[in-house]
Amino acid sequence: MKTAYIIAIIVAIILVLIGGFFLSQNKSTSSQTPNQIPDLSQNTFSSCQASARATPFGQGGTYIVRIIGLENELCHWQFSLEMPQVNQTNDCFYPIEQMSDKASQHLFGMDKTGTECLSDTCKQQESLQAQYCKQI
């Protein structure tokens, strides 16, 4: 009788260990994303390849640019500002030929002085955004 009791305890311990092993395996693989989106670069931007980049902005905010990909021969992409009290996303559908160095530089403010658009290139990019983007 005592032997059966000891065997039952040993079997229960083995089952708990096996169950714990499988649960830990599932947790470690479920936290990994097999299709991670690559970091946004000039190449992925201009070729409209799925990518993203998040940049800290202001006090606790994040500026995010996401390239979703080609849809109906247009490049679908978004830029958003996520802050504690403000979330604003713009959804854009650009002709692929407009996905240029100038457009990506404009997204990250490289063609501005402060918040002002002084150059013709900057004004052209603002015009493209007004034409092809809408706030969602």
Foldseek 3Di string as FASTA:
>chain_A
DVVVVVVVVVVVVVVVVVVVVVVVVVVVVVVDDPDDAAADDLVCQLQLNFHKDWDDDDDAKIWMKTFPGDDPQWTWIKIWIGHPVDTKMKIFTHRSNVSHPLLVCLSVPVQDDVPDRDDPSNVVNVVRCVVTIDID
